[in-house]
Structure formats: structure tokens, C-alpha cells
PDB file of N, CA and C in Angstrom:
ATOM      1  N   UNK A   1     114.949 123.391 116.779  1.00  0.00           N
ATOM      2  CA  UNK A   1     114.467 122.085 116.406  1.00  0.00           C
ATOM      3  C   UNK A   1     114.645 121.146 117.592  1.00  0.00           C
ATOM      4  N   UNK A   2     113.686 120.245 117.801  1.00  0.00           N
ATOM      5  CA  UNK A   2     113.733 119.288 118.897  1.00  0.00           C
ATOM      6  C   UNK A   2     113.874 117.873 118.346  1.00  0.00           C
ATOM      7  N   UNK A   3     114.048 116.912 119.246  1.00  0.00           N
ATOM      8  CA  UNK A   3     114.105 115.509 118.838  1.00  0.00           C
ATOM      9  C   UNK A   3     112.823 115.125 118.109  1.00  0.00           C
ATOM     10  N   UNK A   4     111.693 115.572 118.632  1.00  0.00           N
ATOM     11  CA  UNK A   4     110.405 115.259 117.991  1.00  0.00           C
ATOM     12  C   UNK A   4     110.342 115.858 116.592  1.00  0.00           C
ATOM     13  N   UNK A   5     110.850 117.079 116.434  1.00  0.00           N
ATOM     14  CA  UNK A   5     110.870 117.693 115.104  1.00  0.00           C
ATOM     15  C   UNK A   5     111.703 116.864 114.138  1.00  0.00           C
ATOM     16  N   UNK A   6     112.869 116.421 114.593  1.00  0.00           N
ATOM     17  CA  UNK A   6     113.720 115.579 113.746  1.00  0.00           C
ATOM     18  C   UNK A   6     113.017 114.272 113.401  1.00  0.00           C
ATOM     19  N   UNK A   7     112.384 113.648 114.380  1.00  0.00           N
ATOM     20  CA  UNK A   7     111.737 112.354 114.162  1.00  0.00           C
ATOM     21  C   UNK A   7     110.575 112.444 113.179  1.00  0.00           C
ATOM     22  N   UNK A   8     109.973 113.606 113.030  1.00  0.00           N
ATOM     23  CA  UNK A   8     108.851 113.763 112.108  1.00  0.00           C
ATOM     24  C   UNK A   8     109.288 114.111 110.695  1.00  0.00           C
ATOM     25  N   UNK A   9     110.577 114.381 110.511  1.00  0.00           N
ATOM     26  CA  UNK A   9     111.081 114.684 109.171  1.00  0.00           C
ATOM     27  C   UNK A   9     111.288 113.385 108.401  1.00  0.00           C
ATOM     28  N   UNK A  10     111.405 113.507 107.100  1.00  0.00           N
ATOM     29  CA  UNK A  10     111.650 112.372 106.207  1.00  0.00           C
ATOM     30  C   UNK A  10     113.033 112.545 105.588  1.00  0.00           C
ATOM     31  N   UNK A  11     113.767 111.464 105.483  1.00  0.00           N
ATOM     32  CA  UNK A  11     115.091 111.518 104.855  1.00  0.00           C
ATOM     33  C   UNK A  11     114.962 111.906 103.386  1.00  0.00           C
ATOM     34  N   UNK A  12     115.953 112.668 102.936  1.00  0.00           N
ATOM     35  CA  UNK A  12     116.023 113.067 101.531  1.00  0.00           C
ATOM     36  C   UNK A  12     117.016 112.162 100.827  1.00  0.00           C
ATOM     37  N   UNK A  13     116.714 111.813  99.599  1.00  0.00           N
ATOM     38  CA  UNK A  13     117.603 110.970  98.818  1.00  0.00           C
ATOM     39  C   UNK A  13     118.976 111.624  98.728  1.00  0.00           C
ATOM     40  N   UNK A  14     120.008 110.837  98.908  1.00  0.00           N
ATOM     41  CA  UNK A  14     121.364 111.371  98.916  1.00  0.00           C
ATOM     42  C   UNK A  14     122.250 110.486  98.055  1.00  0.00           C
ATOM     43  N   UNK A  15     122.598 110.968  96.903  1.00  0.00           N
ATOM     44  CA  UNK A  15     123.441 110.210  95.983  1.00  0.00           C
ATOM     45  C   UNK A  15     124.851 110.774  95.909  1.00  0.00           C
ATOM     46  N   UNK A  16     125.215 111.634  96.829  1.00  0.00           N
ATOM     47  CA  UNK A  16     126.536 112.247  96.801  1.00  0.00           C
ATOM     48  C   UNK A  16     126.484 113.593  96.108  1.00  0.00           C
ATOM     49  N   UNK A  17     127.642 114.187  95.914  1.00  0.00           N
ATOM     50  CA  UNK A  17     127.699 115.506  95.296  1.00  0.00           C
ATOM     51  C   UNK A  17     127.284 116.616  96.243  1.00  0.00           C
ATOM     52  N   UNK A  18     127.032 116.266  97.498  1.00  0.00           N
ATOM     53  CA  UNK A  18     126.633 117.221  98.523  1.00  0.00           C
ATOM     54  C   UNK A  18     127.706 117.178  99.603  1.00  0.00           C
ATOM     55  N   UNK A  19     128.012 118.315 100.171  1.00  0.00           N
ATOM     56  CA  UNK A  19     129.009 118.360 101.235  1.00  0.00           C
ATOM     57  C   UNK A  19     128.435 117.812 102.534  1.00  0.00           C
ATOM     58  N   UNK A  20     129.280 117.160 103.339  1.00  0.00           N
ATOM     59  CA  UNK A  20     128.806 116.738 104.659  1.00  0.00           C
ATOM     60  C   UNK A  20     128.546 117.965 105.529  1.00  0.00           C
ATOM     61  N   UNK A  21     127.828 117.764 106.614  1.00  0.00           N
ATOM     62  CA  UNK A  21     127.563 118.851 107.552  1.00  0.00           C
ATOM     63  C   UNK A  21     128.879 119.374 108.120  1.00  0.00           C
ATOM     64  N   UNK A  22     128.925 120.673 108.368  1.00  0.00           N
ATOM     65  CA  UNK A  22     130.115 121.253 108.985  1.00  0.00           C
ATOM     66  C   UNK A  22     130.035 121.044 110.501  1.00  0.00           C
ATOM     67  N   UNK A  23     131.139 121.237 111.230  1.00  0.00           N
ATOM     68  CA  UNK A  23     131.145 120.985 112.678  1.00  0.00           C
ATOM     69  C   UNK A  23     130.075 121.748 113.456  1.00  0.00           C
ATOM     70  N   UNK A  24     129.780 122.980 113.075  1.00  0.00           N
ATOM     71  CA  UNK A  24     128.737 123.737 113.774  1.00  0.00           C
ATOM     72  C   UNK A  24     127.360 123.122 113.568  1.00  0.00           C
ATOM     73  N   UNK A  25     127.084 122.668 112.348  1.00  0.00           N
ATOM     74  CA  UNK A  25     125.800 122.023 112.064  1.00  0.00           C
ATOM     75  C   UNK A  25     125.679 120.709 112.833  1.00  0.00           C
ATOM     76  N   UNK A  26     126.776 119.957 112.899  1.00  0.00           N
ATOM     77  CA  UNK A  26     126.773 118.701 113.648  1.00  0.00           C
ATOM     78  C   UNK A  26     126.486 118.973 115.124  1.00  0.00           C
ATOM     79  N   UNK A  27     127.157 119.947 115.688  1.00  0.00           N
ATOM     80  CA  UNK A  27     126.967 120.293 117.102  1.00  0.00           C
ATOM     81  C   UNK A  27     125.530 120.698 117.372  1.00  0.00           C
ATOM     82  N   UNK A  28     124.958 121.505 116.496  1.00  0.00           N
ATOM     83  CA  UNK A  28     123.578 121.963 116.660  1.00  0.00           C
ATOM     84  C   UNK A  28     122.604 120.777 116.637  1.00  0.00           C
ATOM     85  N   UNK A  29     122.743 119.905 115.642  1.00  0.00           N
ATOM     86  CA  UNK A  29     121.826 118.770 115.530  1.00  0.00           C
ATOM     87  C   UNK A  29     122.061 117.739 116.635  1.00  0.00           C
ATOM     88  N   UNK A  30     123.302 117.519 117.004  1.00  0.00           N
ATOM     89  CA  UNK A  30     123.604 116.572 118.080  1.00  0.00           C
ATOM     90  C   UNK A  30     122.988 117.020 119.395  1.00  0.00           C
ATOM     91  N   UNK A  31     122.879 118.317 119.580  1.00  0.00           N
ATOM     92  CA  UNK A  31     122.248 118.858 120.779  1.00  0.00           C
ATOM     93  C   UNK A  31     120.767 118.548 120.887  1.00  0.00           C
ATOM     94  N   UNK A  32     120.164 118.108 119.787  1.00  0.00           N
ATOM     95  CA  UNK A  32     118.739 117.761 119.782  1.00  0.00           C
ATOM     96  C   UNK A  32     118.505 116.289 120.136  1.00  0.00           C
ATOM     97  N   UNK A  33     119.596 115.530 120.253  1.00  0.00           N
ATOM     98  CA  UNK A  33     119.490 114.098 120.532  1.00  0.00           C
ATOM     99  C   UNK A  33     120.026 113.788 121.918  1.00  0.00           C
ATOM    100  N   UNK A  34     119.444 112.774 122.554  1.00  0.00           N
ATOM    101  CA  UNK A  34     119.865 112.394 123.902  1.00  0.00           C
ATOM    102  C   UNK A  34     120.848 111.217 123.839  1.00  0.00           C
ATOM    103  N   UNK A  35     122.013 111.419 124.411  1.00  0.00           N
ATOM    104  CA  UNK A  35     123.028 110.374 124.589  1.00  0.00           C
ATOM    105  C   UNK A  35     123.657 109.854 123.294  1.00  0.00           C
ATOM    106  N   UNK A  36     123.515 110.579 122.198  1.00  0.00           N
ATOM    107  CA  UNK A  36     124.244 110.239 120.984  1.00  0.00           C
ATOM    108  C   UNK A  36     125.600 110.931 121.050  1.00  0.00           C
ATOM    109  N   UNK A  37     126.614 110.269 120.492  1.00  0.00           N
ATOM    110  CA  UNK A  37     127.973 110.793 120.526  1.00  0.00           C
ATOM    111  C   UNK A  37     128.526 110.922 119.111  1.00  0.00           C
ATOM    112  N   UNK A  38     129.327 111.929 118.923  1.00  0.00           N
ATOM    113  CA  UNK A  38     129.955 112.193 117.633  1.00  0.00           C
ATOM    114  C   UNK A  38     131.388 111.673 117.687  1.00  0.00           C
ATOM    115  N   UNK A  39     131.722 110.761 116.778  1.00  0.00           N
ATOM    116  CA  UNK A  39     133.063 110.196 116.695  1.00  0.00           C
ATOM    117  C   UNK A  39     133.507 110.206 115.242  1.00  0.00           C
ATOM    118  N   UNK A  40     134.344 111.171 114.886  1.00  0.00           N
ATOM    119  CA  UNK A  40     134.803 111.267 113.498  1.00  0.00           C
ATOM    120  C   UNK A  40     133.657 111.601 112.570  1.00  0.00           C
ATOM    121  N   UNK A  41     133.379 110.701 111.619  1.00  0.00           N
ATOM    122  CA  UNK A  41     132.305 110.900 110.641  1.00  0.00           C
ATOM    123  C   UNK A  41     131.043 110.131 111.013  1.00  0.00           C
ATOM    124  N   UNK A  42     130.894 109.773 112.295  1.00  0.00           N
ATOM    125  CA  UNK A  42     129.806 108.908 112.739  1.00  0.00           C
ATOM    126  C   UNK A  42     129.144 109.498 113.982  1.00  0.00           C
ATOM    127  N   UNK A  43     127.828 109.296 114.087  1.00  0.00           N
ATOM    128  CA  UNK A  43     127.151 109.485 115.372  1.00  0.00           C
ATOM    129  C   UNK A  43     126.763 108.099 115.859  1.00  0.00           C
ATOM    130  N   UNK A  44     126.862 107.889 117.159  1.00  0.00           N
ATOM    131  CA  UNK A  44     126.678 106.554 117.711  1.00  0.00           C
ATOM    132  C   UNK A  44     125.945 106.602 119.044  1.00  0.00           C
ATOM    133  N   UNK A  45     125.211 105.518 119.319  1.00  0.00           N
ATOM    134  CA  UNK A  45     124.527 105.388 120.610  1.00  0.00           C
ATOM    135  C   UNK A  45     124.406 103.912 120.971  1.00  0.00           C
ATOM    136  N   UNK A  46     124.548 103.631 122.259  1.00  0.00           N
ATOM    137  CA  UNK A  46     124.370 102.277 122.789  1.00  0.00           C
ATOM    138  C   UNK A  46     123.011 102.161 123.469  1.00  0.00           C
ATOM    139  N   UNK A  47     122.322 101.056 123.187  1.00  0.00           N
ATOM    140  CA  UNK A  47     121.032 100.764 123.803  1.00  0.00           C
ATOM    141  C   UNK A  47     121.162  99.458 124.577  1.00  0.00           C
ATOM    142  N   UNK A  48     120.526  99.392 125.742  1.00  0.00           N
ATOM    143  CA  UNK A  48     120.538  98.180 126.554  1.00  0.00           C
ATOM    144  C   UNK A  48     119.109  97.669 126.754  1.00  0.00           C
ATOM    145  N   UNK A  49     118.992  96.332 126.859  1.00  0.00           N
ATOM    146  CA  UNK A  49     117.687  95.678 126.937  1.00  0.00           C
ATOM    147  C   UNK A  49     117.663  94.644 128.049  1.00  0.00           C
ATOM    148  N   UNK A  50     116.462  94.178 128.398  1.00  0.00           N
ATOM    149  CA  UNK A  50     116.303  93.189 129.470  1.00  0.00           C
ATOM    150  C   UNK A  50     116.713  91.795 129.028  1.00  0.00           C
ATOM    151  N   UNK A  51     116.547  91.498 127.729  1.00  0.00           N
ATOM    152  CA  UNK A  51     116.844  90.149 127.249  1.00  0.00           C
ATOM    153  C   UNK A  51     117.109  90.163 125.740  1.00  0.00           C
ATOM    154  N   UNK A  52     117.471  89.011 125.229  1.00  0.00           N
ATOM    155  CA  UNK A  52     117.798  88.871 123.814  1.00  0.00           C
ATOM    156  C   UNK A  52     116.596  89.164 122.923  1.00  0.00           C
ATOM    157  N   UNK A  53     115.419  88.700 123.331  1.00  0.00           N
ATOM    158  CA  UNK A  53     114.217  88.926 122.536  1.00  0.00           C
ATOM    159  C   UNK A  53     113.969  90.426 122.326  1.00  0.00           C
ATOM    160  N   UNK A  54     114.066  91.219 123.387  1.00  0.00           N
ATOM    161  CA  UNK A  54     113.860  92.665 123.257  1.00  0.00           C
ATOM    162  C   UNK A  54     114.926  93.294 122.357  1.00  0.00           C
ATOM    163  N   UNK A  55     116.153  92.816 122.486  1.00  0.00           N
ATOM    164  CA  UNK A  55     117.226  93.323 121.625  1.00  0.00           C
ATOM    165  C   UNK A  55     116.887  93.075 120.162  1.00  0.00           C
ATOM    166  N   UNK A  56     116.499  91.854 119.845  1.00  0.00           N
ATOM    167  CA  UNK A  56     116.205  91.511 118.450  1.00  0.00           C
ATOM    168  C   UNK A  56     114.948  92.214 117.929  1.00  0.00           C
ATOM    169  N   UNK A  57     113.971  92.419 118.782  1.00  0.00           N
ATOM    170  CA  UNK A  57     112.775  93.165 118.367  1.00  0.00           C
ATOM    171  C   UNK A  57     113.167  94.593 118.002  1.00  0.00           C
ATOM    172  N   UNK A  58     114.052  95.195 118.795  1.00  0.00           N
ATOM    173  CA  UNK A  58     114.541  96.546 118.511  1.00  0.00           C
ATOM    174  C   UNK A  58     115.310  96.561 117.188  1.00  0.00           C
ATOM    175  N   UNK A  59     116.208  95.605 116.995  1.00  0.00           N
ATOM    176  CA  UNK A  59     116.993  95.537 115.757  1.00  0.00           C
ATOM    177  C   UNK A  59     116.066  95.432 114.557  1.00  0.00           C
ATOM    178  N   UNK A  60     115.052  94.600 114.637  1.00  0.00           N
ATOM    179  CA  UNK A  60     114.111  94.448 113.523  1.00  0.00           C
ATOM    180  C   UNK A  60     113.295  95.714 113.289  1.00  0.00           C
ATOM    181  N   UNK A  61     112.917  96.402 114.357  1.00  0.00           N
ATOM    182  CA  UNK A  61     112.181  97.661 114.207  1.00  0.00           C
ATOM    183  C   UNK A  61     113.058  98.719 113.548  1.00  0.00           C
ATOM    184  N   UNK A  62     114.323  98.783 113.947  1.00  0.00           N
ATOM    185  CA  UNK A  62     115.257  99.733 113.316  1.00  0.00           C
ATOM    186  C   UNK A  62     115.431  99.384 111.839  1.00  0.00           C
ATOM    187  N   UNK A  63     115.553  98.108 111.532  1.00  0.00           N
ATOM    188  CA  UNK A  63     115.705  97.688 110.132  1.00  0.00           C
ATOM    189  C   UNK A  63     114.493  98.099 109.298  1.00  0.00           C
ATOM    190  N   UNK A  64     113.303  97.934 109.856  1.00  0.00           N
ATOM    191  CA  UNK A  64     112.077  98.318 109.142  1.00  0.00           C
ATOM    192  C   UNK A  64     112.063  99.825 108.887  1.00  0.00           C
ATOM    193  N   UNK A  65     112.378 100.610 109.932  1.00  0.00           N
ATOM    194  CA  UNK A  65     112.404 102.068 109.787  1.00  0.00           C
ATOM    195  C   UNK A  65     113.461 102.486 108.769  1.00  0.00           C
ATOM    196  N   UNK A  66     114.637 101.878 108.841  1.00  0.00           N
ATOM    197  CA  UNK A  66     115.726 102.224 107.927  1.00  0.00           C
ATOM    198  C   UNK A  66     115.336 101.932 106.480  1.00  0.00           C
ATOM    199  N   UNK A  67     114.641 100.845 106.278  1.00  0.00           N
ATOM    200  CA  UNK A  67     114.172 100.510 104.928  1.00  0.00           C
ATOM    201  C   UNK A  67     113.194 101.574 104.423  1.00  0.00           C
ATOM    202  N   UNK A  68     112.272 101.984 105.268  1.00  0.00           N
ATOM    203  CA  UNK A  68     111.298 103.017 104.874  1.00  0.00           C
ATOM    204  C   UNK A  68     111.969 104.356 104.577  1.00  0.00           C
ATOM    205  N   UNK A  69     113.001 104.690 105.340  1.00  0.00           N
ATOM    206  CA  UNK A  69     113.706 105.962 105.146  1.00  0.00           C
ATOM    207  C   UNK A  69     114.790 105.858 104.069  1.00  0.00           C
ATOM    208  N   UNK A  70     115.120 104.640 103.673  1.00  0.00           N
ATOM    209  CA  UNK A  70     116.206 104.365 102.727  1.00  0.00           C
ATOM    210  C   UNK A  70     117.527 104.975 103.228  1.00  0.00           C
ATOM    211  N   UNK A  71     117.744 104.808 104.530  1.00  0.00           N
ATOM    212  CA  UNK A  71     118.983 105.292 105.163  1.00  0.00           C
ATOM    213  C   UNK A  71     119.305 104.305 106.281  1.00  0.00           C
ATOM    214  N   UNK A  72     120.391 103.574 106.109  1.00  0.00           N
ATOM    215  CA  UNK A  72     120.642 102.393 106.928  1.00  0.00           C
ATOM    216  C   UNK A  72     121.847 102.577 107.849  1.00  0.00           C
ATOM    217  N   UNK A  73     121.683 102.233 109.130  1.00  0.00           N
ATOM    218  CA  UNK A  73     122.791 102.331 110.074  1.00  0.00           C
ATOM    219  C   UNK A  73     123.642 101.067 110.062  1.00  0.00           C
ATOM    220  N   UNK A  74     124.810 101.172 110.661  1.00  0.00           N
ATOM    221  CA  UNK A  74     125.571  99.992 111.052  1.00  0.00           C
ATOM    222  C   UNK A  74     125.115  99.672 112.471  1.00  0.00           C
ATOM    223  N   UNK A  75     124.897  98.395 112.743  1.00  0.00           N
ATOM    224  CA  UNK A  75     124.477  97.991 114.086  1.00  0.00           C
ATOM    225  C   UNK A  75     125.382  96.861 114.569  1.00  0.00           C
ATOM    226  N   UNK A  76     125.779  96.965 115.812  1.00  0.00           N
ATOM    227  CA  UNK A  76     126.533  95.907 116.474  1.00  0.00           C
ATOM    228  C   UNK A  76     125.623  95.351 117.556  1.00  0.00           C
ATOM    229  N   UNK A  77     125.323  94.060 117.457  1.00  0.00           N
ATOM    230  CA  UNK A  77     124.304  93.458 118.309  1.00  0.00           C
ATOM    231  C   UNK A  77     124.927  92.437 119.252  1.00  0.00           C
ATOM    232  N   UNK A  78     124.542  92.523 120.518  1.00  0.00           N
ATOM    233  CA  UNK A  78     124.922  91.547 121.534  1.00  0.00           C
ATOM    234  C   UNK A  78     123.679  91.007 122.206  1.00  0.00           C
ATOM    235  N   UNK A  79     123.862  90.179 123.213  1.00  0.00           N
ATOM    236  CA  UNK A  79     122.745  89.514 123.875  1.00  0.00           C
ATOM    237  C   UNK A  79     121.714  90.508 124.410  1.00  0.00           C
ATOM    238  N   UNK A  80     122.144  91.532 125.121  1.00  0.00           N
ATOM    239  CA  UNK A  80     121.223  92.520 125.705  1.00  0.00           C
ATOM    240  C   UNK A  80     121.617  93.942 125.331  1.00  0.00           C
ATOM    241  N   UNK A  81     122.245  94.107 124.171  1.00  0.00           N
ATOM    242  CA  UNK A  81     122.686  95.445 123.789  1.00  0.00           C
ATOM    243  C   UNK A  81     122.774  95.578 122.274  1.00  0.00           C
ATOM    244  N   UNK A  82     122.692  96.815 121.844  1.00  0.00           N
ATOM    245  CA  UNK A  82     122.832  97.130 120.429  1.00  0.00           C
ATOM    246  C   UNK A  82     123.453  98.519 120.309  1.00  0.00           C
ATOM    247  N   UNK A  83     124.503  98.613 119.519  1.00  0.00           N
ATOM    248  CA  UNK A  83     125.080  99.918 119.207  1.00  0.00           C
ATOM    249  C   UNK A  83     124.645 100.290 117.791  1.00  0.00           C
ATOM    250  N   UNK A  84     124.158 101.522 117.643  1.00  0.00           N
ATOM    251  CA  UNK A  84     123.699 102.025 116.350  1.00  0.00           C
ATOM    252  C   UNK A  84     124.643 103.144 115.923  1.00  0.00           C
ATOM    253  N   UNK A  85     125.165 103.023 114.711  1.00  0.00           N
ATOM    254  CA  UNK A  85     126.070 104.029 114.142  1.00  0.00           C
ATOM    255  C   UNK A  85     125.464 104.565 112.852  1.00  0.00           C
ATOM    256  N   UNK A  86     125.448 105.872 112.730  1.00  0.00           N
ATOM    257  CA  UNK A  86     124.980 106.517 111.500  1.00  0.00           C
ATOM    258  C   UNK A  86     126.069 107.376 110.893  1.00  0.00           C
ATOM    259  N   UNK A  87     126.173 107.288 109.575  1.00  0.00           N
ATOM    260  CA  UNK A  87     127.035 108.140 108.762  1.00  0.00           C
ATOM    261  C   UNK A  87     126.480 108.068 107.346  1.00  0.00           C
ATOM    262  N   UNK A  88     126.684 109.110 106.577  1.00  0.00           N
ATOM    263  CA  UNK A  88     126.201 109.103 105.194  1.00  0.00           C
ATOM    264  C   UNK A  88     127.396 108.878 104.285  1.00  0.00           C
ATOM    265  N   UNK A  89     127.550 107.639 103.855  1.00  0.00           N
ATOM    266  CA  UNK A  89     128.712 107.258 103.050  1.00  0.00           C
ATOM    267  C   UNK A  89     128.783 108.037 101.744  1.00  0.00           C
ATOM    268  N   UNK A  90     127.633 108.358 101.175  1.00  0.00           N
ATOM    269  CA  UNK A  90     127.597 109.064  99.886  1.00  0.00           C
ATOM    270  C   UNK A  90     128.205 110.464  99.962  1.00  0.00           C
ATOM    271  N   UNK A  91     128.208 111.078 101.153  1.00  0.00           N
ATOM    272  CA  UNK A  91     128.791 112.424 101.292  1.00  0.00           C
ATOM    273  C   UNK A  91     130.113 112.385 102.057  1.00  0.00           C
ATOM    274  N   UNK A  92     130.501 111.206 102.518  1.00  0.00           N
ATOM    275  CA  UNK A  92     131.760 111.081 103.236  1.00  0.00           C
ATOM    276  C   UNK A  92     131.755 111.740 104.605  1.00  0.00           C
ATOM    277  N   UNK A  93     130.633 111.701 105.277  1.00  0.00           N
ATOM    278  CA  UNK A  93     130.508 112.309 106.599  1.00  0.00           C
ATOM    279  C   UNK A  93     129.079 112.237 107.075  1.00  0.00           C
ATOM    280  N   UNK A  94     128.670 113.248 107.799  1.00  0.00           N
ATOM    281  CA  UNK A  94     127.318 113.280 108.357  1.00  0.00           C
ATOM    282  C   UNK A  94     126.403 114.169 107.534  1.00  0.00           C
ATOM    283  N   UNK A  95     125.149 113.752 107.425  1.00  0.00           N
ATOM    284  CA  UNK A  95     124.109 114.553 106.769  1.00  0.00           C
ATOM    285  C   UNK A  95     122.932 114.669 107.744  1.00  0.00           C
ATOM    286  N   UNK A  96     121.989 115.515 107.404  1.00  0.00           N
ATOM    287  CA  UNK A  96     120.796 115.647 108.239  1.00  0.00           C
ATOM    288  C   UNK A  96     120.070 114.310 108.361  1.00  0.00           C
ATOM    289  N   UNK A  97     120.141 113.472 107.331  1.00  0.00           N
ATOM    290  CA  UNK A  97     119.490 112.160 107.373  1.00  0.00           C
ATOM    291  C   UNK A  97     119.941 111.340 108.583  1.00  0.00           C
ATOM    292  N   UNK A  98     121.214 111.437 108.935  1.00  0.00           N
ATOM    293  CA  UNK A  98     121.724 110.685 110.086  1.00  0.00           C
ATOM    294  C   UNK A  98     121.012 111.091 111.370  1.00  0.00           C
ATOM    295  N   UNK A  99     120.780 112.364 111.527  1.00  0.00           N
ATOM    296  CA  UNK A  99     120.140 112.888 112.740  1.00  0.00           C
ATOM    297  C   UNK A  99     118.641 112.607 112.737  1.00  0.00           C
ATOM    298  N   UNK A 100     118.022 112.659 111.570  1.00  0.00           N
ATOM    299  CA  UNK A 100     116.603 112.299 111.448  1.00  0.00           C
ATOM    300  C   UNK A 100     116.414 110.843 111.873  1.00  0.00           C
ATOM    301  N   UNK A 101     117.239 109.967 111.341  1.00  0.00           N
ATOM    302  CA  UNK A 101     117.094 108.545 111.669  1.00  0.00           C
ATOM    303  C   UNK A 101     117.472 108.256 113.111  1.00  0.00           C
ATOM    304  N   UNK A 102     118.453 108.953 113.645  1.00  0.00           N
ATOM    305  CA  UNK A 102     118.810 108.780 115.062  1.00  0.00           C
ATOM    306  C   UNK A 102     117.607 109.130 115.951  1.00  0.00           C
ATOM    307  N   UNK A 103     116.914 110.200 115.627  1.00  0.00           N
ATOM    308  CA  UNK A 103     115.728 110.577 116.405  1.00  0.00           C
ATOM    309  C   UNK A 103     114.621 109.528 116.261  1.00  0.00           C
ATOM    310  N   UNK A 104     114.496 108.950 115.080  1.00  0.00           N
ATOM    311  CA  UNK A 104     113.500 107.904 114.868  1.00  0.00           C
ATOM    312  C   UNK A 104     113.861 106.638 115.647  1.00  0.00           C
ATOM    313  N   UNK A 105     115.144 106.311 115.721  1.00  0.00           N
ATOM    314  CA  UNK A 105     115.578 105.151 116.497  1.00  0.00           C
ATOM    315  C   UNK A 105     115.252 105.382 117.988  1.00  0.00           C
ATOM    316  N   UNK A 106     115.527 106.581 118.480  1.00  0.00           N
ATOM    317  CA  UNK A 106     115.175 106.891 119.862  1.00  0.00           C
ATOM    318  C   UNK A 106     113.679 106.737 120.106  1.00  0.00           C
ATOM    319  N   UNK A 107     112.867 107.166 119.145  1.00  0.00           N
ATOM    320  CA  UNK A 107     111.415 107.041 119.284  1.00  0.00           C
ATOM    321  C   UNK A 107     111.006 105.561 119.358  1.00  0.00           C
ATOM    322  N   UNK A 108     111.664 104.718 118.567  1.00  0.00           N
ATOM    323  CA  UNK A 108     111.373 103.266 118.624  1.00  0.00           C
ATOM    324  C   UNK A 108     111.739 102.696 119.984  1.00  0.00           C
ATOM    325  N   UNK A 109     112.849 103.131 120.532  1.00  0.00           N
ATOM    326  CA  UNK A 109     113.306 102.630 121.825  1.00  0.00           C
ATOM    327  C   UNK A 109     112.335 103.003 122.945  1.00  0.00           C
ATOM    328  N   UNK A 110     111.674 104.145 122.793  1.00  0.00           N
ATOM    329  CA  UNK A 110     110.738 104.615 123.812  1.00  0.00           C
ATOM    330  C   UNK A 110     109.416 103.868 123.785  1.00  0.00           C
ATOM    331  N   UNK A 111     109.124 103.156 122.712  1.00  0.00           N
ATOM    332  CA  UNK A 111     107.831 102.441 122.606  1.00  0.00           C
ATOM    333  C   UNK A 111     107.712 101.325 123.594  1.00  0.00           C
TER     334      UNK A 111
END
């Protein structure tokens, strides 16, 4: 599976009752993403921009995508930067949805 393959997938509804991904699954999926890092139960990436306007346009695009996928990241926003964190709270760890949305966020950044 590639980043493009992940970005073309759709998130599946997750209401809990499902186990989080195991370490091998996390490693495999993380290998499909560029510059994302695994920290505990979260995958995270920092994005940098030329100015505040570009930062906010990115944040709004991520919010729109997250709404469509019904899978929402935590974002920390600064003047020319944004950190995006994904975790699936309903499973208490990482799910495939986190990696699908991470690939979609990367695709937005490339636009």
C-alpha cells in the first residue's frame, strides 16, 4: 500500500469495541507516510508555511476533510506552523482511519 492508496480510502465508522492496531501494523502503515512520527497512541506531523494566511487555509482545509471523513485530528496552530495529531479515541490507540486521514492531510499540503 502507498500513500496514494491510503489517501483514496474512506474512513470506516468507529464506535469502539475494536482493538487498536498492533505495533507491526502501525509500523507497516507508518512506512507509507512521509515524515509522520509515532508517539505512544498518536501519529504526528509538523507542517510549516510562508505566512499566517497559508497556515489558516491549511487548517480550514484539514477541518473540511476531517468533517467529511468524520475523523478529527488535534491541531496545534502557530503563526507559520501547524502540528497535526491523529489517534482514535474510541479504540484507545491507533486505527487505520488515522493513517487514511494522515495521507489525506499530506495530499492537502501538496496542493
